[in-house]
Amino acid sequence: MKATFVKPEYAWFNGTSQVYNVGETIQPDERGIYPMAKANGAPFDGKSSIVPIKQHFTIMPLHESGKLVPPASLLVHPSRLASGLMLRAEQYNKL
């Protein structure tokens, strides 16, 4: 769904960000949302300023532990479905 006239949230930003990497555990924030990316910054750090940020939300599957987001490579071409599922099952059993 495409939205227009989205009201931005404002955050301290120092020019760097934190991004979720596949394989890391992920914890929900105080709102219960699992952040995939976050602007770094803080007041009075000498580098940050307040900037408008559009938040993007989606529904994503989580690993049964509730912490690990499965990699997008779980989605395989139908002609390779069986071999792809076998490979992923082997990889997840090693976690």
C-alpha atoms as a PDB file:
ATOM      1  CA  MET A   1       0.000   0.000   0.000  1.00  0.00           C
ATOM      2  CA  LYS A   2       1.387   3.391  -0.941  1.00  0.00           C
ATOM      3  CA  ALA A   3       0.664   6.275   1.405  1.00  0.00           C
ATOM      4  CA  THR A   4       0.900   9.972   0.708  1.00  0.00           C
ATOM      5  CA  PHE A   5       1.158  12.883   3.119  1.00  0.00           C
ATOM      6  CA  VAL A   6       2.709  10.645   5.768  1.00  0.00           C
ATOM      7  CA  LYS A   7       3.502  12.558   8.945  1.00  0.00           C
ATOM      8  CA  PRO A   8       7.200  12.031   9.742  1.00  0.00           C
ATOM      9  CA  GLU A   9       8.597  11.205  13.141  1.00  0.00           C
ATOM     10  CA  TYR A  10      11.504  13.303  14.362  1.00  0.00           C
ATOM     11  CA  ALA A  11      14.705  11.751  15.682  1.00  0.00           C
ATOM     12  CA  TRP A  12      18.223  12.723  16.656  1.00  0.00           C
ATOM     13  CA  PHE A  13      20.545  11.715  13.806  1.00  0.00           C
ATOM     14  CA  ASN A  14      24.344  11.897  13.651  1.00  0.00           C
ATOM     15  CA  GLY A  15      24.690  10.624  10.077  1.00  0.00           C
ATOM     16  CA  THR A  16      24.984   6.942  10.990  1.00  0.00           C
ATOM     17  CA  SER A  17      22.426   4.209  11.489  1.00  0.00           C
ATOM     18  CA  GLN A  18      22.083   0.766  12.977  1.00  0.00           C
ATOM     19  CA  VAL A  19      20.771  -1.922  10.618  1.00  0.00           C
ATOM     20  CA  TYR A  20      19.714  -5.484  11.408  1.00  0.00           C
ATOM     21  CA  ASN A  21      22.014  -8.113   9.901  1.00  0.00           C
ATOM     22  CA  VAL A  22      20.721 -11.586   9.056  1.00  0.00           C
ATOM     23  CA  GLY A  23      21.662 -14.012  11.807  1.00  0.00           C
ATOM     24  CA  GLU A  24      21.618 -11.495  14.661  1.00  0.00           C
ATOM     25  CA  THR A  25      18.987 -11.757  17.365  1.00  0.00           C
ATOM     26  CA  ILE A  26      16.475  -8.945  17.326  1.00  0.00           C
ATOM     27  CA  GLN A  27      14.583  -7.586  20.310  1.00  0.00           C
ATOM     28  CA  PRO A  28      11.370  -5.556  20.271  1.00  0.00           C
ATOM     29  CA  ASP A  29      11.540  -1.901  21.285  1.00  0.00           C
ATOM     30  CA  GLU A  30       9.424  -0.325  24.037  1.00  0.00           C
ATOM     31  CA  ARG A  31       6.410  -0.318  21.662  1.00  0.00           C
ATOM     32  CA  GLY A  32       6.757  -4.045  20.894  1.00  0.00           C
ATOM     33  CA  ILE A  33       8.007  -3.331  17.366  1.00  0.00           C
ATOM     34  CA  TYR A  34      11.028  -5.172  15.954  1.00  0.00           C
ATOM     35  CA  PRO A  35      13.177  -2.422  14.411  1.00  0.00           C
ATOM     36  CA  MET A  36      15.111  -3.413  11.293  1.00  0.00           C
ATOM     37  CA  ALA A  37      16.942  -0.056  11.138  1.00  0.00           C
ATOM     38  CA  LYS A  38      17.406   2.844  13.523  1.00  0.00           C
ATOM     39  CA  ALA A  39      18.938   6.315  13.290  1.00  0.00           C
ATOM     40  CA  ASN A  40      21.854   6.841  15.686  1.00  0.00           C
ATOM     41  CA  GLY A  41      22.194  10.101  17.562  1.00  0.00           C
ATOM     42  CA  ALA A  42      21.635  11.821  20.862  1.00  0.00           C
ATOM     43  CA  PRO A  43      21.114  15.344  22.143  1.00  0.00           C
ATOM     44  CA  PHE A  44      24.276  17.147  23.206  1.00  0.00           C
ATOM     45  CA  ASP A  45      26.681  14.730  21.490  1.00  0.00           C
ATOM     46  CA  GLY A  46      27.983  17.547  19.309  1.00  0.00           C
ATOM     47  CA  LYS A  47      27.196  15.722  16.054  1.00  0.00           C
ATOM     48  CA  SER A  48      23.447  15.120  15.965  1.00  0.00           C
ATOM     49  CA  SER A  49      20.574  17.194  14.736  1.00  0.00           C
ATOM     50  CA  ILE A  50      16.836  16.590  14.711  1.00  0.00           C
ATOM     51  CA  VAL A  51      15.655  15.293  11.336  1.00  0.00           C
ATOM     52  CA  PRO A  52      12.297  14.097   9.968  1.00  0.00           C
ATOM     53  CA  ILE A  53      12.193  10.347   9.335  1.00  0.00           C
ATOM     54  CA  LYS A  54       9.409   8.409   7.633  1.00  0.00           C
ATOM     55  CA  GLN A  55       8.886   5.132   9.424  1.00  0.00           C
ATOM     56  CA  HIS A  56       8.112   2.105   7.254  1.00  0.00           C
ATOM     57  CA  PHE A  57       6.124  -0.781   8.696  1.00  0.00           C
ATOM     58  CA  THR A  58       5.437  -4.254   7.367  1.00  0.00           C
ATOM     59  CA  ILE A  59       4.449  -7.695   8.548  1.00  0.00           C
ATOM     60  CA  MET A  60       7.367 -10.116   8.488  1.00  0.00           C
ATOM     61  CA  PRO A  61       7.696 -13.729   9.589  1.00  0.00           C
ATOM     62  CA  LEU A  62       9.896 -14.361  12.606  1.00  0.00           C
ATOM     63  CA  HIS A  63      11.741 -17.542  13.460  1.00  0.00           C
ATOM     64  CA  GLU A  64       9.834 -19.635  15.988  1.00  0.00           C
ATOM     65  CA  SER A  65      12.155 -18.285  18.714  1.00  0.00           C
ATOM     66  CA  GLY A  66      10.604 -14.870  18.056  1.00  0.00           C
ATOM     67  CA  LYS A  67      14.016 -13.297  17.684  1.00  0.00           C
ATOM     68  CA  LEU A  68      15.509 -14.297  14.345  1.00  0.00           C
ATOM     69  CA  VAL A  69      14.158 -12.978  11.066  1.00  0.00           C
ATOM     70  CA  PRO A  70      14.512 -15.606   8.337  1.00  0.00           C
ATOM     71  CA  PRO A  71      16.662 -14.465   5.402  1.00  0.00           C
ATOM     72  CA  ALA A  72      14.947 -13.541   2.167  1.00  0.00           C
ATOM     73  CA  SER A  73      16.808 -16.400   0.481  1.00  0.00           C
ATOM     74  CA  LEU A  74      14.200 -18.736   1.970  1.00  0.00           C
ATOM     75  CA  LEU A  75      12.125 -17.706  -1.005  1.00  0.00           C
ATOM     76  CA  VAL A  76      13.344 -19.842  -3.872  1.00  0.00           C
ATOM     77  CA  HIS A  77      12.276 -20.349  -7.451  1.00  0.00           C
ATOM     78  CA  PRO A  78       9.526 -23.032  -7.704  1.00  0.00           C
ATOM     79  CA  SER A  79      11.747 -25.251  -9.866  1.00  0.00           C
ATOM     80  CA  ARG A  80      14.252 -25.420  -6.994  1.00  0.00           C
ATOM     81  CA  LEU A  81      11.784 -25.528  -4.117  1.00  0.00           C
ATOM     82  CA  ALA A  82      12.627 -29.013  -2.806  1.00  0.00           C
ATOM     83  CA  SER A  83      16.404 -28.559  -2.882  1.00  0.00           C
ATOM     84  CA  GLY A  84      16.102 -25.026  -1.476  1.00  0.00           C
ATOM     85  CA  LEU A  85      13.981 -26.181   1.450  1.00  0.00           C
ATOM     86  CA  MET A  86      16.354 -29.031   2.223  1.00  0.00           C
ATOM     87  CA  LEU A  87      19.326 -26.657   2.233  1.00  0.00           C
ATOM     88  CA  ARG A  88      17.573 -24.140   4.501  1.00  0.00           C
ATOM     89  CA  ALA A  89      16.441 -26.878   6.890  1.00  0.00           C
ATOM     90  CA  GLU A  90      20.061 -28.028   7.228  1.00  0.00           C
ATOM     91  CA  GLN A  91      21.236 -24.467   7.866  1.00  0.00           C
ATOM     92  CA  TYR A  92      18.578 -23.754  10.518  1.00  0.00           C
ATOM     93  CA  ASN A  93      19.305 -26.987  12.319  1.00  0.00           C
ATOM     94  CA  LYS A  94      22.837 -25.677  12.891  1.00  0.00           C
ATOM     95  CA  LEU A  95      21.580 -22.564  14.761  1.00  0.00           C
END
